[in-house]
Amino acid sequence: MSTIKTIAFIGLGNMGGPMAANLVKGGFDVMAFDLSQDALALAKKNGCSTAQSVAEAVTDKDAVVTMLPAGKHVRAVYGGADGVFASAKAGALFCDCSTIDVQSARDVATEAKKLGFTMVDSPVSGGVVAAEAGTLAFMVGGTDGAFEAAMPVLDPMAKAVLHAGGDGAGQAVKICNNMLLGITMIGTAEAFVLAKKLGLDPQRFFDISSKASGQNWSMTSYCPEPGPVPTSPANNDYKPGFSAAMMLKDLRLAQDAAQTSGTSTPLGAEAQALYAMFDNLGGGNTDFSGIIQMLSGEMGKD
């Protein structure tokens, strides 16, 4: 049985805010910290107590959950003079839910172990909707013992908590998965654009292809063409969801990892280039499925 009762949550953005709220619903005493006073006010409304520094948030807490933009932020929050390592109580559990580069995840976990802490990297899949619903999928890197220790903390925010392997493995799974997702979304969008150019009805193309060898998650769960999947962002003016800017971030992480490991990923590289173009054209805050607007030549049209 878990002895964790108090949690510090650091990073209350579009994902972190609802995740912290779900920990409160799960029965934990949560103290939240973010640089945004608006985010802190919302966290307080959702049942969290609030802190004005990382050190204040993590002092005497059983566990710390972080949801931060990039590896440099994770390194700074954990390793700074008033950071998590310097301020957390002995033996605390750390769950970093950020999506960052694999090396940063491994380096921070190694330092945590040296200092006697337990840590997992636990990036998420599912986007804002799943964060709000408590149905995220967590991809967890760390020892077997660390994974078991983290389960009670992650469970109130999750539909699935999956052990990917050792330190950094959660990040490795996340960037490989999202590289594949970015590639399949572009392919699915191109197929719909071509089908329409060839005079096919999009719904009829969906009905056939979704039951044929072209079937994939980007088509059947998150269709970029308005109509066939009522719950997809395509039917809500491409509001994210999972933004194109976040997809571009993950694709860049994947390409950095590919370069470091000497791996050839030509489709991943092309997906990054296309999402960078979409972002430069103003699509960054659009759902990543909205790239179909660029591929169809409809970008910017009323």
C-alpha atoms as a PDB file:
ATOM      1  CA  MET A   1       0.000   0.000   0.000  1.00  0.00           C
ATOM      2  CA  SER A   2       1.341   3.434  -0.942  1.00  0.00           C
ATOM      3  CA  THR A   3       2.382   5.795   1.827  1.00  0.00           C
ATOM      4  CA  ILE A   4       2.246   8.839  -0.484  1.00  0.00           C
ATOM      5  CA  LYS A   5      -0.252  11.411   0.732  1.00  0.00           C
ATOM      6  CA  THR A   6       1.255  14.796  -0.186  1.00  0.00           C
ATOM      7  CA  ILE A   7       2.358  15.841  -3.674  1.00  0.00           C
ATOM      8  CA  ALA A   8       4.034  18.928  -5.096  1.00  0.00           C
ATOM      9  CA  PHE A   9       2.989  19.671  -8.685  1.00  0.00           C
ATOM     10  CA  ILE A  10       5.248  21.993 -10.684  1.00  0.00           C
ATOM     11  CA  GLY A  11       4.134  23.274 -14.096  1.00  0.00           C
ATOM     12  CA  LEU A  12       0.463  24.176 -14.469  1.00  0.00           C
ATOM     13  CA  GLY A  13       0.067  24.693 -18.204  1.00  0.00           C
ATOM     14  CA  ASN A  14      -2.689  23.336 -20.431  1.00  0.00           C
ATOM     15  CA  MET A  15      -1.738  19.791 -19.424  1.00  0.00           C
ATOM     16  CA  GLY A  16      -0.368  20.273 -15.927  1.00  0.00           C
ATOM     17  CA  GLY A  17      -3.308  22.244 -14.573  1.00  0.00           C
ATOM     18  CA  PRO A  18      -5.937  19.538 -15.134  1.00  0.00           C
ATOM     19  CA  MET A  19      -3.476  16.814 -14.120  1.00  0.00           C
ATOM     20  CA  ALA A  20      -2.980  18.476 -10.737  1.00  0.00           C
ATOM     21  CA  ALA A  21      -6.756  18.793 -10.365  1.00  0.00           C
ATOM     22  CA  ASN A  22      -7.155  15.057 -10.967  1.00  0.00           C
ATOM     23  CA  LEU A  23      -4.613  14.286  -8.254  1.00  0.00           C
ATOM     24  CA  VAL A  24      -6.781  16.286  -5.859  1.00  0.00           C
ATOM     25  CA  LYS A  25      -9.802  14.266  -6.999  1.00  0.00           C
ATOM     26  CA  GLY A  26      -7.706  11.152  -6.353  1.00  0.00           C
ATOM     27  CA  GLY A  27      -7.453  12.075  -2.685  1.00  0.00           C
ATOM     28  CA  PHE A  28      -3.980  13.594  -2.557  1.00  0.00           C
ATOM     29  CA  ASP A  29      -3.006  16.801  -0.772  1.00  0.00           C
ATOM     30  CA  VAL A  30      -1.493  18.783  -3.673  1.00  0.00           C
ATOM     31  CA  MET A  31       0.631  21.932  -3.437  1.00  0.00           C
ATOM     32  CA  ALA A  32       1.079  23.535  -6.855  1.00  0.00           C
ATOM     33  CA  PHE A  33       3.630  25.936  -8.270  1.00  0.00           C
ATOM     34  CA  ASP A  34       3.881  27.797 -11.573  1.00  0.00           C
ATOM     35  CA  LEU A  35       5.352  31.107 -12.693  1.00  0.00           C
ATOM     36  CA  SER A  36       1.870  32.172 -13.851  1.00  0.00           C
ATOM     37  CA  GLN A  37      -0.320  33.676 -11.148  1.00  0.00           C
ATOM     38  CA  ASP A  38      -3.399  32.926 -13.271  1.00  0.00           C
ATOM     39  CA  ALA A  39      -2.427  29.250 -13.356  1.00  0.00           C
ATOM     40  CA  LEU A  40      -1.950  29.261  -9.585  1.00  0.00           C
ATOM     41  CA  ALA A  41      -5.373  30.861  -9.104  1.00  0.00           C
ATOM     42  CA  LEU A  42      -7.012  28.150 -11.211  1.00  0.00           C
ATOM     43  CA  ALA A  43      -5.141  25.438  -9.316  1.00  0.00           C
ATOM     44  CA  LYS A  44      -6.399  26.864  -6.049  1.00  0.00           C
ATOM     45  CA  LYS A  45      -9.933  26.862  -7.425  1.00  0.00           C
ATOM     46  CA  ASN A  46      -9.440  23.182  -8.303  1.00  0.00           C
ATOM     47  CA  GLY A  47      -8.503  22.276  -4.735  1.00  0.00           C
ATOM     48  CA  CYS A  48      -4.725  22.653  -4.681  1.00  0.00           C
ATOM     49  CA  SER A  49      -2.844  24.723  -2.166  1.00  0.00           C
ATOM     50  CA  THR A  50      -0.310  27.004  -3.859  1.00  0.00           C
ATOM     51  CA  ALA A  51       3.335  27.943  -3.379  1.00  0.00           C
ATOM     52  CA  GLN A  52       5.411  30.867  -4.557  1.00  0.00           C
ATOM     53  CA  SER A  53       8.593  28.876  -5.255  1.00  0.00           C
ATOM     54  CA  VAL A  54       9.781  25.392  -6.150  1.00  0.00           C
ATOM     55  CA  ALA A  55      11.419  25.065  -2.742  1.00  0.00           C
ATOM     56  CA  GLU A  56       8.210  25.946  -0.906  1.00  0.00           C
ATOM     57  CA  ALA A  57       6.187  23.542  -3.024  1.00  0.00           C
ATOM     58  CA  VAL A  58       8.384  20.470  -2.532  1.00  0.00           C
ATOM     59  CA  THR A  59       9.374  20.870   1.124  1.00  0.00           C
ATOM     60  CA  ASP A  60       8.165  17.878   3.189  1.00  0.00           C
ATOM     61  CA  LYS A  61       6.176  16.401   0.268  1.00  0.00           C
ATOM     62  CA  ASP A  62       6.091  12.648  -0.324  1.00  0.00           C
ATOM     63  CA  ALA A  63       6.226  13.037  -4.102  1.00  0.00           C
ATOM     64  CA  VAL A  64       6.930  15.665  -6.756  1.00  0.00           C
ATOM     65  CA  VAL A  65       5.295  15.725 -10.204  1.00  0.00           C
ATOM     66  CA  THR A  66       6.706  18.021 -12.877  1.00  0.00           C
ATOM     67  CA  MET A  67       5.219  19.021 -16.243  1.00  0.00           C
ATOM     68  CA  LEU A  68       7.675  21.373 -17.956  1.00  0.00           C
ATOM     69  CA  PRO A  69       8.395  22.572 -21.515  1.00  0.00           C
ATOM     70  CA  ALA A  70      11.884  21.228 -22.251  1.00  0.00           C
ATOM     71  CA  GLY A  71      14.964  19.465 -20.925  1.00  0.00           C
ATOM     72  CA  LYS A  72      16.657  22.704 -19.870  1.00  0.00           C
ATOM     73  CA  HIS A  73      13.680  23.542 -17.662  1.00  0.00           C
ATOM     74  CA  VAL A  74      13.674  20.089 -16.073  1.00  0.00           C
ATOM     75  CA  ARG A  75      17.400  20.336 -15.346  1.00  0.00           C
ATOM     76  CA  ALA A  76      16.949  23.801 -13.820  1.00  0.00           C
ATOM     77  CA  VAL A  77      13.916  22.926 -11.685  1.00  0.00           C
ATOM     78  CA  TYR A  78      15.485  19.773 -10.274  1.00  0.00           C
ATOM     79  CA  GLY A  79      19.090  20.922  -9.988  1.00  0.00           C
ATOM     80  CA  GLY A  80      18.926  24.617  -9.162  1.00  0.00           C
ATOM     81  CA  ALA A  81      20.121  26.095  -5.872  1.00  0.00           C
ATOM     82  CA  ASP A  82      16.521  26.225  -4.643  1.00  0.00           C
ATOM     83  CA  GLY A  83      15.432  23.304  -6.809  1.00  0.00           C
ATOM     84  CA  VAL A  84      13.815  19.972  -6.141  1.00  0.00           C
ATOM     85  CA  PHE A  85      17.009  18.109  -5.211  1.00  0.00           C
ATOM     86  CA  ALA A  86      18.031  20.774  -2.724  1.00  0.00           C
ATOM     87  CA  SER A  87      14.620  21.157  -1.097  1.00  0.00           C
ATOM     88  CA  ALA A  88      12.761  17.814  -1.226  1.00  0.00           C
ATOM     89  CA  LYS A  89      12.578  15.553   1.789  1.00  0.00           C
ATOM     90  CA  ALA A  90      14.799  12.500   1.938  1.00  0.00           C
ATOM     91  CA  GLY A  91      13.584   9.554  -0.125  1.00  0.00           C
ATOM     92  CA  ALA A  92      10.852  11.454  -1.985  1.00  0.00           C
ATOM     93  CA  LEU A  93       9.472  10.137  -5.277  1.00  0.00           C
ATOM     94  CA  PHE A  94       9.841  12.229  -8.432  1.00  0.00           C
ATOM     95  CA  CYS A  95       7.680  11.803 -11.561  1.00  0.00           C
ATOM     96  CA  ASP A  96       8.694  13.983 -14.497  1.00  0.00           C
ATOM     97  CA  CYS A  97       5.797  13.991 -16.952  1.00  0.00           C
ATOM     98  CA  SER A  98       7.443  16.465 -19.343  1.00  0.00           C
ATOM     99  CA  THR A  99       8.342  15.430 -22.897  1.00  0.00           C
ATOM    100  CA  ILE A 100      12.074  16.098 -23.150  1.00  0.00           C
ATOM    101  CA  ASP A 101      15.229  14.678 -24.722  1.00  0.00           C
ATOM    102  CA  VAL A 102      16.295  11.233 -23.558  1.00  0.00           C
ATOM    103  CA  GLN A 103      19.729  12.318 -22.310  1.00  0.00           C
ATOM    104  CA  SER A 104      18.312  15.005 -20.022  1.00  0.00           C
ATOM    105  CA  ALA A 105      15.897  12.464 -18.558  1.00  0.00           C
ATOM    106  CA  ARG A 106      18.724  10.005 -17.914  1.00  0.00           C
ATOM    107  CA  ASP A 107      21.030  12.631 -16.439  1.00  0.00           C
ATOM    108  CA  VAL A 108      18.417  13.948 -14.003  1.00  0.00           C
ATOM    109  CA  ALA A 109      17.411  10.425 -12.960  1.00  0.00           C
ATOM    110  CA  THR A 110      21.051   9.483 -12.351  1.00  0.00           C
ATOM    111  CA  GLU A 111      21.532  12.510 -10.112  1.00  0.00           C
ATOM    112  CA  ALA A 112      18.303  11.749  -8.251  1.00  0.00           C
ATOM    113  CA  LYS A 113      19.531   8.226  -7.481  1.00  0.00           C
ATOM    114  CA  LYS A 114      22.894   9.518  -6.257  1.00  0.00           C
ATOM    115  CA  LEU A 115      21.025  11.731  -3.799  1.00  0.00           C
ATOM    116  CA  GLY A 116      18.839   8.880  -2.541  1.00  0.00           C
ATOM    117  CA  PHE A 117      15.617   9.786  -4.353  1.00  0.00           C
ATOM    118  CA  THR A 118      13.358   7.565  -6.497  1.00  0.00           C
ATOM    119  CA  MET A 119      12.572   8.916  -9.973  1.00  0.00           C
ATOM    120  CA  VAL A 120      10.730   8.006 -13.164  1.00  0.00           C
ATOM    121  CA  ASP A 121      10.388   9.776 -16.489  1.00  0.00           C
ATOM    122  CA  SER A 122       6.701   9.501 -17.345  1.00  0.00           C
ATOM    123  CA  PRO A 123       5.704  11.485 -20.455  1.00  0.00           C
ATOM    124  CA  VAL A 124       2.072  11.338 -21.485  1.00  0.00           C
ATOM    125  CA  SER A 125      -0.098  10.776 -24.527  1.00  0.00           C
ATOM    126  CA  GLY A 126      -3.652  11.968 -25.000  1.00  0.00           C
ATOM    127  CA  GLY A 127      -3.575  15.762 -25.090  1.00  0.00           C
ATOM    128  CA  VAL A 128      -5.607  18.301 -23.153  1.00  0.00           C
ATOM    129  CA  VAL A 129      -8.895  16.408 -23.420  1.00  0.00           C
ATOM    130  CA  ALA A 130      -7.376  13.312 -21.803  1.00  0.00           C
ATOM    131  CA  ALA A 131      -5.594  15.429 -19.187  1.00  0.00           C
ATOM    132  CA  GLU A 132      -8.934  16.918 -18.176  1.00  0.00           C
ATOM    133  CA  ALA A 133     -10.694  13.548 -18.194  1.00  0.00           C
ATOM    134  CA  GLY A 134      -7.947  11.724 -16.288  1.00  0.00           C
ATOM    135  CA  THR A 135      -7.450   9.314 -19.194  1.00  0.00           C
ATOM    136  CA  LEU A 136      -3.830   9.948 -20.170  1.00  0.00           C
ATOM    137  CA  ALA A 137      -1.462   7.169 -21.182  1.00  0.00           C
ATOM    138  CA  PHE A 138       1.819   7.324 -19.245  1.00  0.00           C
ATOM    139  CA  MET A 139       4.998   5.849 -20.745  1.00  0.00           C
ATOM    140  CA  VAL A 140       7.249   5.250 -17.767  1.00  0.00           C
ATOM    141  CA  GLY A 141      11.017   4.872 -17.636  1.00  0.00           C
ATOM    142  CA  GLY A 142      12.772   3.710 -14.482  1.00  0.00           C
ATOM    143  CA  THR A 143      13.538   0.657 -12.381  1.00  0.00           C
ATOM    144  CA  ASP A 144      10.842  -1.884 -11.558  1.00  0.00           C
ATOM    145  CA  GLY A 145      10.737  -0.540  -8.010  1.00  0.00           C
ATOM    146  CA  ALA A 146      10.421   3.072  -9.150  1.00  0.00           C
ATOM    147  CA  PHE A 147       7.617   2.113 -11.542  1.00  0.00           C
ATOM    148  CA  GLU A 148       5.689   0.391  -8.748  1.00  0.00           C
ATOM    149  CA  ALA A 149       6.204   3.379  -6.449  1.00  0.00           C
ATOM    150  CA  ALA A 150       4.941   5.781  -9.122  1.00  0.00           C
ATOM    151  CA  MET A 151       1.808   3.818 -10.012  1.00  0.00           C
ATOM    152  CA  PRO A 152      -0.446   5.216  -7.226  1.00  0.00           C
ATOM    153  CA  VAL A 153       0.552   8.780  -8.152  1.00  0.00           C
ATOM    154  CA  LEU A 154       0.020   8.393 -11.895  1.00  0.00           C
ATOM    155  CA  ASP A 155      -3.150   6.294 -11.717  1.00  0.00           C
ATOM    156  CA  PRO A 156      -5.645   9.120 -10.910  1.00  0.00           C
ATOM    157  CA  MET A 157      -4.523  10.906 -14.083  1.00  0.00           C
ATOM    158  CA  ALA A 158      -4.472   7.854 -16.341  1.00  0.00           C
ATOM    159  CA  LYS A 159      -6.292   5.271 -18.382  1.00  0.00           C
ATOM    160  CA  ALA A 160      -3.005   3.380 -18.808  1.00  0.00           C
ATOM    161  CA  VAL A 161       0.364   3.400 -17.026  1.00  0.00           C
ATOM    162  CA  LEU A 162       2.908   1.422 -19.058  1.00  0.00           C
ATOM    163  CA  HIS A 163       6.476   0.486 -18.103  1.00  0.00           C
ATOM    164  CA  ALA A 164       8.772   1.190 -21.044  1.00  0.00           C
ATOM    165  CA  GLY A 165      12.094   0.146 -19.477  1.00  0.00           C
ATOM    166  CA  GLY A 166      14.953   1.849 -17.641  1.00  0.00           C
ATOM    167  CA  ASP A 167      15.750   5.532 -17.136  1.00  0.00           C
ATOM    168  CA  GLY A 168      14.842   7.584 -20.219  1.00  0.00           C
ATOM    169  CA  ALA A 169      12.829   4.782 -21.813  1.00  0.00           C
ATOM    170  CA  GLY A 170       9.562   6.653 -21.333  1.00  0.00           C
ATOM    171  CA  GLN A 171      10.958   9.580 -23.317  1.00  0.00           C
ATOM    172  CA  ALA A 172      12.316   7.243 -25.997  1.00  0.00           C
ATOM    173  CA  VAL A 173       8.907   5.594 -26.469  1.00  0.00           C
ATOM    174  CA  LYS A 174       7.154   8.974 -26.534  1.00  0.00           C
ATOM    175  CA  ILE A 175       9.303  10.520 -29.261  1.00  0.00           C
ATOM    176  CA  CYS A 176       9.261   7.364 -31.396  1.00  0.00           C
ATOM    177  CA  ASN A 177       5.484   7.082 -31.033  1.00  0.00           C
ATOM    178  CA  ASN A 178       4.908  10.724 -31.898  1.00  0.00           C
ATOM    179  CA  MET A 179       7.245  10.582 -34.870  1.00  0.00           C
ATOM    180  CA  LEU A 180       5.094   7.733 -36.185  1.00  0.00           C
ATOM    181  CA  LEU A 181       1.932   9.719 -35.390  1.00  0.00           C
ATOM    182  CA  GLY A 182       3.198  12.787 -37.254  1.00  0.00           C
ATOM    183  CA  ILE A 183       4.081  10.677 -40.289  1.00  0.00           C
ATOM    184  CA  THR A 184       0.740   8.842 -40.378  1.00  0.00           C
ATOM    185  CA  MET A 185      -1.234  12.069 -39.956  1.00  0.00           C
ATOM    186  CA  ILE A 186       0.500  13.595 -42.983  1.00  0.00           C
ATOM    187  CA  GLY A 187      -0.093  10.444 -45.022  1.00  0.00           C
ATOM    188  CA  THR A 188      -3.741  10.320 -44.014  1.00  0.00           C
ATOM    189  CA  ALA A 189      -4.218  13.993 -44.870  1.00  0.00           C
ATOM    190  CA  GLU A 190      -2.554  13.564 -48.266  1.00  0.00           C
ATOM    191  CA  ALA A 191      -4.796  10.594 -49.026  1.00  0.00           C
ATOM    192  CA  PHE A 192      -7.945  12.611 -48.313  1.00  0.00           C
ATOM    193  CA  VAL A 193      -6.689  15.545 -50.394  1.00  0.00           C
ATOM    194  CA  LEU A 194      -5.956  13.253 -53.345  1.00  0.00           C
ATOM    195  CA  ALA A 195      -9.251  11.379 -52.956  1.00  0.00           C
ATOM    196  CA  LYS A 196     -11.192  14.642 -53.201  1.00  0.00           C
ATOM    197  CA  LYS A 197      -9.149  15.786 -56.221  1.00  0.00           C
ATOM    198  CA  LEU A 198     -10.056  12.510 -57.899  1.00  0.00           C
ATOM    199  CA  GLY A 199     -13.746  13.155 -57.315  1.00  0.00           C
ATOM    200  CA  LEU A 200     -14.294  10.771 -54.398  1.00  0.00           C
ATOM    201  CA  ASP A 201     -16.728  11.617 -51.648  1.00  0.00           C
ATOM    202  CA  PRO A 202     -14.629  11.956 -48.424  1.00  0.00           C
ATOM    203  CA  GLN A 203     -17.126   9.993 -46.344  1.00  0.00           C
ATOM    204  CA  ARG A 204     -17.190   7.153 -48.863  1.00  0.00           C
ATOM    205  CA  PHE A 205     -13.387   7.129 -49.022  1.00  0.00           C
ATOM    206  CA  PHE A 206     -13.287   6.972 -45.204  1.00  0.00           C
ATOM    207  CA  ASP A 207     -15.846   4.160 -45.081  1.00  0.00           C
ATOM    208  CA  ILE A 208     -13.741   2.057 -47.446  1.00  0.00           C
ATOM    209  CA  SER A 209     -10.173   2.936 -46.428  1.00  0.00           C
ATOM    210  CA  SER A 210     -10.920   2.672 -42.693  1.00  0.00           C
ATOM    211  CA  LYS A 211     -11.816  -0.986 -43.303  1.00  0.00           C
ATOM    212  CA  ALA A 212      -8.958  -1.636 -45.731  1.00  0.00           C
ATOM    213  CA  SER A 213      -5.172  -1.724 -45.454  1.00  0.00           C
ATOM    214  CA  GLY A 214      -4.927   2.065 -45.165  1.00  0.00           C
ATOM    215  CA  GLN A 215      -6.642   2.019 -41.765  1.00  0.00           C
ATOM    216  CA  ASN A 216      -4.710   3.811 -39.007  1.00  0.00           C
ATOM    217  CA  TRP A 217      -5.365   5.775 -35.798  1.00  0.00           C
ATOM    218  CA  SER A 218      -4.991   9.144 -37.529  1.00  0.00           C
ATOM    219  CA  MET A 219      -7.863   8.170 -39.796  1.00  0.00           C
ATOM    220  CA  THR A 220     -10.272   6.308 -37.536  1.00  0.00           C
ATOM    221  CA  SER A 221      -9.848   8.210 -34.241  1.00  0.00           C
ATOM    222  CA  TYR A 222      -8.552  11.638 -35.278  1.00  0.00           C
ATOM    223  CA  CYS A 223      -9.566  12.051 -38.894  1.00  0.00           C
ATOM    224  CA  PRO A 224      -8.129  15.274 -40.404  1.00  0.00           C
ATOM    225  CA  GLU A 225     -11.040  15.570 -42.873  1.00  0.00           C
ATOM    226  CA  PRO A 226     -14.195  17.167 -41.405  1.00  0.00           C
ATOM    227  CA  GLY A 227     -17.173  14.824 -41.243  1.00  0.00           C
ATOM    228  CA  PRO A 228     -16.233  11.169 -40.819  1.00  0.00           C
ATOM    229  CA  VAL A 229     -15.192  11.247 -37.108  1.00  0.00           C
ATOM    230  CA  PRO A 230     -17.493  13.647 -35.220  1.00  0.00           C
ATOM    231  CA  THR A 231     -15.178  13.939 -32.191  1.00  0.00           C
ATOM    232  CA  SER A 232     -12.049  14.850 -34.168  1.00  0.00           C
ATOM    233  CA  PRO A 233     -10.714  18.452 -34.072  1.00  0.00           C
ATOM    234  CA  ALA A 234     -11.495  18.726 -37.797  1.00  0.00           C
ATOM    235  CA  ASN A 235     -15.129  19.164 -36.732  1.00  0.00           C
ATOM    236  CA  ASN A 236     -14.252  21.877 -34.206  1.00  0.00           C
ATOM    237  CA  ASP A 237     -12.323  24.293 -36.417  1.00  0.00           C
ATOM    238  CA  TYR A 238      -9.110  22.334 -35.697  1.00  0.00           C
ATOM    239  CA  LYS A 239      -8.878  23.543 -32.126  1.00  0.00           C
ATOM    240  CA  PRO A 240      -6.300  21.466 -30.225  1.00  0.00           C
ATOM    241  CA  GLY A 241      -6.256  18.782 -29.016  1.00  0.00           C
ATOM    242  CA  PHE A 242      -2.602  18.370 -29.586  1.00  0.00           C
ATOM    243  CA  SER A 243      -1.191  21.451 -31.231  1.00  0.00           C
ATOM    244  CA  ALA A 244       0.999  21.480 -34.311  1.00  0.00           C
ATOM    245  CA  ALA A 245       3.636  23.341 -32.286  1.00  0.00           C
ATOM    246  CA  MET A 246       3.775  20.466 -29.795  1.00  0.00           C
ATOM    247  CA  MET A 247       4.007  17.935 -32.612  1.00  0.00           C
ATOM    248  CA  LEU A 248       6.876  19.938 -34.104  1.00  0.00           C
ATOM    249  CA  LYS A 249       8.647  19.918 -30.732  1.00  0.00           C
ATOM    250  CA  ASP A 250       8.368  16.120 -30.528  1.00  0.00           C
ATOM    251  CA  LEU A 251       9.499  15.644 -34.125  1.00  0.00           C
ATOM    252  CA  ARG A 252      12.559  17.788 -33.421  1.00  0.00           C
ATOM    253  CA  LEU A 253      13.327  15.684 -30.349  1.00  0.00           C
ATOM    254  CA  ALA A 254      13.028  12.565 -32.516  1.00  0.00           C
ATOM    255  CA  GLN A 255      15.401  13.986 -35.122  1.00  0.00           C
ATOM    256  CA  ASP A 256      17.900  15.012 -32.454  1.00  0.00           C
ATOM    257  CA  ALA A 257      17.758  11.457 -31.081  1.00  0.00           C
ATOM    258  CA  ALA A 258      18.133  10.005 -34.576  1.00  0.00           C
ATOM    259  CA  GLN A 259      21.207  12.131 -35.224  1.00  0.00           C
ATOM    260  CA  THR A 260      22.766  11.267 -31.862  1.00  0.00           C
ATOM    261  CA  SER A 261      22.167   7.544 -32.350  1.00  0.00           C
ATOM    262  CA  GLY A 262      23.175   7.501 -36.023  1.00  0.00           C
ATOM    263  CA  THR A 263      19.725   6.398 -37.168  1.00  0.00           C
ATOM    264  CA  SER A 264      18.272   7.142 -40.612  1.00  0.00           C
ATOM    265  CA  THR A 265      14.687   8.440 -40.330  1.00  0.00           C
ATOM    266  CA  PRO A 266      13.925  10.107 -43.675  1.00  0.00           C
ATOM    267  CA  LEU A 267      10.145  10.181 -43.200  1.00  0.00           C
ATOM    268  CA  GLY A 268      10.583  11.593 -39.704  1.00  0.00           C
ATOM    269  CA  ALA A 269      12.821  14.311 -41.136  1.00  0.00           C
ATOM    270  CA  GLU A 270      10.261  15.134 -43.841  1.00  0.00           C
ATOM    271  CA  ALA A 271       7.460  15.239 -41.263  1.00  0.00           C
ATOM    272  CA  GLN A 272       9.486  17.699 -39.202  1.00  0.00           C
ATOM    273  CA  ALA A 273      10.061  19.891 -42.262  1.00  0.00           C
ATOM    274  CA  LEU A 274       6.354  19.914 -43.141  1.00  0.00           C
ATOM    275  CA  TYR A 275       5.241  20.741 -39.594  1.00  0.00           C
ATOM    276  CA  ALA A 276       7.886  23.488 -39.439  1.00  0.00           C
ATOM    277  CA  MET A 277       6.388  24.939 -42.640  1.00  0.00           C
ATOM    278  CA  PHE A 278       2.884  24.684 -41.156  1.00  0.00           C
ATOM    279  CA  ASP A 279       4.085  26.421 -38.002  1.00  0.00           C
ATOM    280  CA  ASN A 280       5.768  29.202 -40.017  1.00  0.00           C
ATOM    281  CA  LEU A 281       2.502  29.765 -41.885  1.00  0.00           C
ATOM    282  CA  GLY A 282       0.714  30.381 -38.588  1.00  0.00           C
ATOM    283  CA  GLY A 283      -0.561  26.891 -37.835  1.00  0.00           C
ATOM    284  CA  GLY A 284       1.310  26.334 -34.588  1.00  0.00           C
ATOM    285  CA  ASN A 285      -1.701  26.832 -32.337  1.00  0.00           C
ATOM    286  CA  THR A 286      -3.901  24.732 -34.622  1.00  0.00           C
ATOM    287  CA  ASP A 287      -4.428  21.043 -33.921  1.00  0.00           C
ATOM    288  CA  PHE A 288      -1.734  18.991 -35.640  1.00  0.00           C
ATOM    289  CA  SER A 289      -4.389  17.367 -37.855  1.00  0.00           C
ATOM    290  CA  GLY A 290      -4.978  20.831 -39.324  1.00  0.00           C
ATOM    291  CA  ILE A 291      -1.910  20.323 -41.508  1.00  0.00           C
ATOM    292  CA  ILE A 292      -4.414  19.027 -44.074  1.00  0.00           C
ATOM    293  CA  GLN A 293      -5.298  22.691 -44.689  1.00  0.00           C
ATOM    294  CA  MET A 294      -1.732  23.387 -45.818  1.00  0.00           C
ATOM    295  CA  LEU A 295      -1.463  20.212 -47.867  1.00  0.00           C
ATOM    296  CA  SER A 296      -4.731  20.986 -49.668  1.00  0.00           C
ATOM    297  CA  GLY A 297      -3.774  24.574 -50.433  1.00  0.00           C
ATOM    298  CA  GLU A 298      -6.606  25.875 -48.271  1.00  0.00           C
ATOM    299  CA  MET A 299      -4.345  27.537 -45.684  1.00  0.00           C
ATOM    300  CA  GLY A 300      -5.578  31.025 -44.881  1.00  0.00           C
ATOM    301  CA  LYS A 301      -8.740  30.800 -46.979  1.00  0.00           C
ATOM    302  CA  ASP A 302     -12.092  31.664 -45.397  1.00  0.00           C
END
